[in-house]
């Protein structure tokens, strides 16, 4: 009698073990497929900003064109690209041991920004290595995480609009 009871308990225990293992094995069977397809197995980078700067305008434009072609080849979507207003520098060269100016040079530093988002870390590292390998002489390359401050620098303020707003504020304060 005790032996029969032990056999029944072990059979019930085995059935529950089998049931639990089957449940664990087939529990993913009923999950919708679209939940798994949207996830990437390779980690994605945050929005990346590629900044190129140079004193030579045509070289900079050609390099930006090449970056766009390379992104198309490796199937990376470029979200946005824009040009910043050039920075102007005035350099004066003096004659030896005097304050007399020997020559004056005017330079313009041109800048282009390319914004890429949702790029896999593998494609990003490959893209950066290729861009460094083909970097033309005189062009500076900077790859960084995109910041909203850079987006604010992008827009040139309208002087007339700012003047009108300030006069409107002074009129409101006088009332």
C-alpha atoms as a PDB file:
ATOM      1  CA  UNK A   1       0.000   0.000   0.000  1.00  0.00           C
ATOM      2  CA  UNK A   2       2.734   2.429   0.913  1.00  0.00           C
ATOM      3  CA  UNK A   3       4.634   1.350  -2.180  1.00  0.00           C
ATOM      4  CA  UNK A   4       1.620   2.080  -4.414  1.00  0.00           C
ATOM      5  CA  UNK A   5       1.247   5.510  -2.819  1.00  0.00           C
ATOM      6  CA  UNK A   6       4.918   6.319  -3.470  1.00  0.00           C
ATOM      7  CA  UNK A   7       4.566   5.208  -7.117  1.00  0.00           C
ATOM      8  CA  UNK A   8       1.516   7.436  -7.607  1.00  0.00           C
ATOM      9  CA  UNK A   9       3.286  10.428  -6.040  1.00  0.00           C
ATOM     10  CA  UNK A  10       6.343   9.969  -8.268  1.00  0.00           C
ATOM     11  CA  UNK A  11       4.167   9.599 -11.379  1.00  0.00           C
ATOM     12  CA  UNK A  12       2.265  12.788 -10.483  1.00  0.00           C
ATOM     13  CA  UNK A  13       5.552  14.564  -9.792  1.00  0.00           C
ATOM     14  CA  UNK A  14       6.965  13.485 -13.150  1.00  0.00           C
ATOM     15  CA  UNK A  15       3.836  14.665 -14.930  1.00  0.00           C
ATOM     16  CA  UNK A  16       4.123  18.100 -13.340  1.00  0.00           C
ATOM     17  CA  UNK A  17       7.820  18.262 -14.290  1.00  0.00           C
ATOM     18  CA  UNK A  18       6.971  17.324 -17.857  1.00  0.00           C
ATOM     19  CA  UNK A  19       4.142  19.855 -17.932  1.00  0.00           C
ATOM     20  CA  UNK A  20       6.434  22.619 -16.604  1.00  0.00           C
ATOM     21  CA  UNK A  21       9.200  21.825 -19.089  1.00  0.00           C
ATOM     22  CA  UNK A  22       6.719  21.723 -21.997  1.00  0.00           C
ATOM     23  CA  UNK A  23       5.243  25.031 -20.879  1.00  0.00           C
ATOM     24  CA  UNK A  24       8.703  26.603 -20.698  1.00  0.00           C
ATOM     25  CA  UNK A  25       9.629  25.214 -24.109  1.00  0.00           C
ATOM     26  CA  UNK A  26       6.485  26.270 -25.971  1.00  0.00           C
ATOM     27  CA  UNK A  27       5.539  29.436 -24.107  1.00  0.00           C
ATOM     28  CA  UNK A  28       7.141  31.624 -26.798  1.00  0.00           C
ATOM     29  CA  UNK A  29       5.135  29.798 -29.419  1.00  0.00           C
ATOM     30  CA  UNK A  30       2.113  32.003 -28.825  1.00  0.00           C
ATOM     31  CA  UNK A  31       3.879  35.373 -28.835  1.00  0.00           C
ATOM     32  CA  UNK A  32       3.290  37.451 -31.975  1.00  0.00           C
ATOM     33  CA  UNK A  33       6.176  37.519 -34.420  1.00  0.00           C
ATOM     34  CA  UNK A  34       6.129  41.287 -34.867  1.00  0.00           C
ATOM     35  CA  UNK A  35       7.347  41.759 -31.285  1.00  0.00           C
ATOM     36  CA  UNK A  36      10.683  40.126 -32.104  1.00  0.00           C
ATOM     37  CA  UNK A  37      11.217  41.484 -35.623  1.00  0.00           C
ATOM     38  CA  UNK A  38      11.422  45.138 -34.545  1.00  0.00           C
ATOM     39  CA  UNK A  39      14.323  44.514 -32.197  1.00  0.00           C
ATOM     40  CA  UNK A  40      17.883  44.731 -33.431  1.00  0.00           C
ATOM     41  CA  UNK A  41      20.422  42.188 -32.257  1.00  0.00           C
ATOM     42  CA  UNK A  42      23.219  44.694 -32.868  1.00  0.00           C
ATOM     43  CA  UNK A  43      23.141  47.758 -30.567  1.00  0.00           C
ATOM     44  CA  UNK A  44      22.164  51.029 -32.222  1.00  0.00           C
ATOM     45  CA  UNK A  45      24.125  54.238 -31.790  1.00  0.00           C
ATOM     46  CA  UNK A  46      22.411  57.448 -30.683  1.00  0.00           C
ATOM     47  CA  UNK A  47      22.108  60.245 -33.227  1.00  0.00           C
ATOM     48  CA  UNK A  48      25.600  60.861 -34.591  1.00  0.00           C
ATOM     49  CA  UNK A  49      26.867  64.159 -35.993  1.00  0.00           C
ATOM     50  CA  UNK A  50      29.703  64.141 -38.520  1.00  0.00           C
ATOM     51  CA  UNK A  51      31.354  67.556 -38.698  1.00  0.00           C
ATOM     52  CA  UNK A  52      33.846  68.406 -41.435  1.00  0.00           C
ATOM     53  CA  UNK A  53      35.746  71.706 -41.548  1.00  0.00           C
ATOM     54  CA  UNK A  54      38.203  73.138 -44.051  1.00  0.00           C
ATOM     55  CA  UNK A  55      39.590  76.365 -45.467  1.00  0.00           C
ATOM     56  CA  UNK A  56      39.255  74.970 -48.995  1.00  0.00           C
ATOM     57  CA  UNK A  57      35.603  75.132 -50.101  1.00  0.00           C
ATOM     58  CA  UNK A  58      35.689  72.848 -53.206  1.00  0.00           C
ATOM     59  CA  UNK A  59      37.531  70.074 -51.355  1.00  0.00           C
ATOM     60  CA  UNK A  60      35.029  70.243 -48.514  1.00  0.00           C
ATOM     61  CA  UNK A  61      32.064  70.024 -50.912  1.00  0.00           C
ATOM     62  CA  UNK A  62      33.558  67.010 -52.717  1.00  0.00           C
ATOM     63  CA  UNK A  63      34.252  65.244 -49.417  1.00  0.00           C
ATOM     64  CA  UNK A  64      30.662  65.833 -48.271  1.00  0.00           C
ATOM     65  CA  UNK A  65      29.425  64.438 -51.588  1.00  0.00           C
ATOM     66  CA  UNK A  66      31.601  61.365 -51.062  1.00  0.00           C
ATOM     67  CA  UNK A  67      30.195  60.869 -47.535  1.00  0.00           C
ATOM     68  CA  UNK A  68      26.666  60.872 -48.963  1.00  0.00           C
ATOM     69  CA  UNK A  69      27.622  58.322 -51.649  1.00  0.00           C
ATOM     70  CA  UNK A  70      29.359  56.115 -49.080  1.00  0.00           C
ATOM     71  CA  UNK A  71      26.297  56.227 -46.823  1.00  0.00           C
ATOM     72  CA  UNK A  72      24.140  55.072 -49.734  1.00  0.00           C
ATOM     73  CA  UNK A  73      26.522  52.205 -50.468  1.00  0.00           C
ATOM     74  CA  UNK A  74      26.553  50.865 -46.901  1.00  0.00           C
ATOM     75  CA  UNK A  75      22.795  51.519 -46.582  1.00  0.00           C
ATOM     76  CA  UNK A  76      22.869  54.201 -43.910  1.00  0.00           C
ATOM     77  CA  UNK A  77      20.135  56.829 -43.959  1.00  0.00           C
ATOM     78  CA  UNK A  78      21.314  60.419 -43.559  1.00  0.00           C
ATOM     79  CA  UNK A  79      18.695  62.363 -41.625  1.00  0.00           C
ATOM     80  CA  UNK A  80      19.951  65.850 -42.305  1.00  0.00           C
ATOM     81  CA  UNK A  81      22.978  67.739 -43.578  1.00  0.00           C
ATOM     82  CA  UNK A  82      23.615  71.448 -43.502  1.00  0.00           C
ATOM     83  CA  UNK A  83      26.237  74.118 -43.979  1.00  0.00           C
ATOM     84  CA  UNK A  84      27.218  76.602 -41.313  1.00  0.00           C
ATOM     85  CA  UNK A  85      28.117  80.209 -42.157  1.00  0.00           C
ATOM     86  CA  UNK A  86      31.876  80.507 -42.662  1.00  0.00           C
ATOM     87  CA  UNK A  87      34.052  81.875 -39.885  1.00  0.00           C
ATOM     88  CA  UNK A  88      36.290  84.686 -41.080  1.00  0.00           C
ATOM     89  CA  UNK A  89      39.811  85.198 -39.757  1.00  0.00           C
ATOM     90  CA  UNK A  90      42.211  88.047 -40.406  1.00  0.00           C
ATOM     91  CA  UNK A  91      45.884  87.183 -39.969  1.00  0.00           C
ATOM     92  CA  UNK A  92      48.601  89.832 -40.056  1.00  0.00           C
ATOM     93  CA  UNK A  93      52.283  89.069 -40.549  1.00  0.00           C
ATOM     94  CA  UNK A  94      54.751  91.606 -39.169  1.00  0.00           C
ATOM     95  CA  UNK A  95      58.240  92.453 -40.368  1.00  0.00           C
ATOM     96  CA  UNK A  96      61.003  91.201 -38.118  1.00  0.00           C
ATOM     97  CA  UNK A  97      61.375  93.108 -34.824  1.00  0.00           C
ATOM     98  CA  UNK A  98      58.962  95.879 -35.887  1.00  0.00           C
ATOM     99  CA  UNK A  99      55.288  96.703 -35.703  1.00  0.00           C
ATOM    100  CA  UNK A 100      55.051  97.251 -39.449  1.00  0.00           C
ATOM    101  CA  UNK A 101      52.628  94.875 -41.156  1.00  0.00           C
ATOM    102  CA  UNK A 102      54.315  92.899 -43.943  1.00  0.00           C
ATOM    103  CA  UNK A 103      51.204  91.067 -45.176  1.00  0.00           C
ATOM    104  CA  UNK A 104      47.552  90.608 -44.304  1.00  0.00           C
ATOM    105  CA  UNK A 105      45.693  87.355 -44.963  1.00  0.00           C
ATOM    106  CA  UNK A 106      41.939  86.783 -44.843  1.00  0.00           C
ATOM    107  CA  UNK A 107      40.796  83.205 -44.234  1.00  0.00           C
ATOM    108  CA  UNK A 108      37.362  81.635 -44.234  1.00  0.00           C
ATOM    109  CA  UNK A 109      36.737  78.400 -42.350  1.00  0.00           C
ATOM    110  CA  UNK A 110      33.891  76.432 -43.929  1.00  0.00           C
ATOM    111  CA  UNK A 111      31.907  73.839 -41.996  1.00  0.00           C
ATOM    112  CA  UNK A 112      29.472  71.086 -42.970  1.00  0.00           C
ATOM    113  CA  UNK A 113      27.438  68.868 -40.634  1.00  0.00           C
ATOM    114  CA  UNK A 114      25.865  65.512 -41.430  1.00  0.00           C
ATOM    115  CA  UNK A 115      23.386  63.959 -39.004  1.00  0.00           C
ATOM    116  CA  UNK A 116      22.817  60.184 -38.902  1.00  0.00           C
ATOM    117  CA  UNK A 117      20.450  58.367 -36.546  1.00  0.00           C
ATOM    118  CA  UNK A 118      19.615  54.716 -35.898  1.00  0.00           C
ATOM    119  CA  UNK A 119      22.899  53.406 -37.238  1.00  0.00           C
ATOM    120  CA  UNK A 120      24.208  50.096 -35.952  1.00  0.00           C
ATOM    121  CA  UNK A 121      27.461  50.202 -34.041  1.00  0.00           C
ATOM    122  CA  UNK A 122      29.121  47.936 -36.614  1.00  0.00           C
ATOM    123  CA  UNK A 123      28.211  50.185 -39.552  1.00  0.00           C
ATOM    124  CA  UNK A 124      29.169  53.295 -37.573  1.00  0.00           C
ATOM    125  CA  UNK A 125      32.655  52.011 -36.786  1.00  0.00           C
ATOM    126  CA  UNK A 126      33.166  50.936 -40.409  1.00  0.00           C
ATOM    127  CA  UNK A 127      31.947  54.318 -41.673  1.00  0.00           C
ATOM    128  CA  UNK A 128      34.286  56.224 -39.345  1.00  0.00           C
ATOM    129  CA  UNK A 129      37.299  54.123 -40.351  1.00  0.00           C
ATOM    130  CA  UNK A 130      36.601  54.649 -44.048  1.00  0.00           C
ATOM    131  CA  UNK A 131      36.107  58.400 -43.563  1.00  0.00           C
ATOM    132  CA  UNK A 132      39.411  58.650 -41.681  1.00  0.00           C
ATOM    133  CA  UNK A 133      41.218  56.630 -44.352  1.00  0.00           C
ATOM    134  CA  UNK A 134      40.105  58.875 -47.224  1.00  0.00           C
ATOM    135  CA  UNK A 135      40.251  62.191 -45.371  1.00  0.00           C
ATOM    136  CA  UNK A 136      41.641  64.850 -47.749  1.00  0.00           C
ATOM    137  CA  UNK A 137      44.528  67.042 -46.719  1.00  0.00           C
ATOM    138  CA  UNK A 138      43.378  70.193 -44.939  1.00  0.00           C
ATOM    139  CA  UNK A 139      39.993  68.795 -43.871  1.00  0.00           C
ATOM    140  CA  UNK A 140      39.215  68.202 -40.194  1.00  0.00           C
ATOM    141  CA  UNK A 141      36.800  65.397 -39.297  1.00  0.00           C
ATOM    142  CA  UNK A 142      34.916  65.307 -35.997  1.00  0.00           C
ATOM    143  CA  UNK A 143      32.383  62.565 -35.156  1.00  0.00           C
ATOM    144  CA  UNK A 144      30.322  63.138 -32.030  1.00  0.00           C
ATOM    145  CA  UNK A 145      26.922  62.510 -30.494  1.00  0.00           C
ATOM    146  CA  UNK A 146      24.409  65.069 -31.740  1.00  0.00           C
ATOM    147  CA  UNK A 147      23.611  67.860 -29.279  1.00  0.00           C
ATOM    148  CA  UNK A 148      20.681  70.303 -29.459  1.00  0.00           C
ATOM    149  CA  UNK A 149      23.108  73.220 -28.959  1.00  0.00           C
ATOM    150  CA  UNK A 150      24.557  72.494 -32.387  1.00  0.00           C
ATOM    151  CA  UNK A 151      21.071  72.742 -33.847  1.00  0.00           C
ATOM    152  CA  UNK A 152      20.664  76.201 -32.265  1.00  0.00           C
ATOM    153  CA  UNK A 153      23.950  77.397 -33.800  1.00  0.00           C
ATOM    154  CA  UNK A 154      22.647  76.314 -37.168  1.00  0.00           C
ATOM    155  CA  UNK A 155      20.115  79.102 -37.526  1.00  0.00           C
ATOM    156  CA  UNK A 156      21.301  82.660 -38.106  1.00  0.00           C
ATOM    157  CA  UNK A 157      19.204  85.096 -36.045  1.00  0.00           C
ATOM    158  CA  UNK A 158      17.199  87.724 -37.906  1.00  0.00           C
ATOM    159  CA  UNK A 159      18.478  91.112 -36.692  1.00  0.00           C
ATOM    160  CA  UNK A 160      15.365  93.023 -37.736  1.00  0.00           C
ATOM    161  CA  UNK A 161      13.060  90.562 -35.998  1.00  0.00           C
ATOM    162  CA  UNK A 162      15.094  90.773 -32.791  1.00  0.00           C
ATOM    163  CA  UNK A 163      14.974  94.598 -32.921  1.00  0.00           C
ATOM    164  CA  UNK A 164      11.200  94.554 -33.400  1.00  0.00           C
ATOM    165  CA  UNK A 165      10.766  92.173 -30.465  1.00  0.00           C
ATOM    166  CA  UNK A 166      12.893  94.380 -28.215  1.00  0.00           C
ATOM    167  CA  UNK A 167      10.903  97.506 -29.155  1.00  0.00           C
ATOM    168  CA  UNK A 168       7.674  95.600 -28.521  1.00  0.00           C
ATOM    169  CA  UNK A 169       8.930  94.580 -25.071  1.00  0.00           C
ATOM    170  CA  UNK A 170       9.867  98.180 -24.230  1.00  0.00           C
ATOM    171  CA  UNK A 171       6.426  99.386 -25.339  1.00  0.00           C
ATOM    172  CA  UNK A 172       4.734  96.758 -23.164  1.00  0.00           C
ATOM    173  CA  UNK A 173       6.840  97.700 -20.146  1.00  0.00           C
ATOM    174  CA  UNK A 174       5.996 101.429 -20.579  1.00  0.00           C
ATOM    175  CA  UNK A 175       2.230 100.798 -20.329  1.00  0.00           C
END
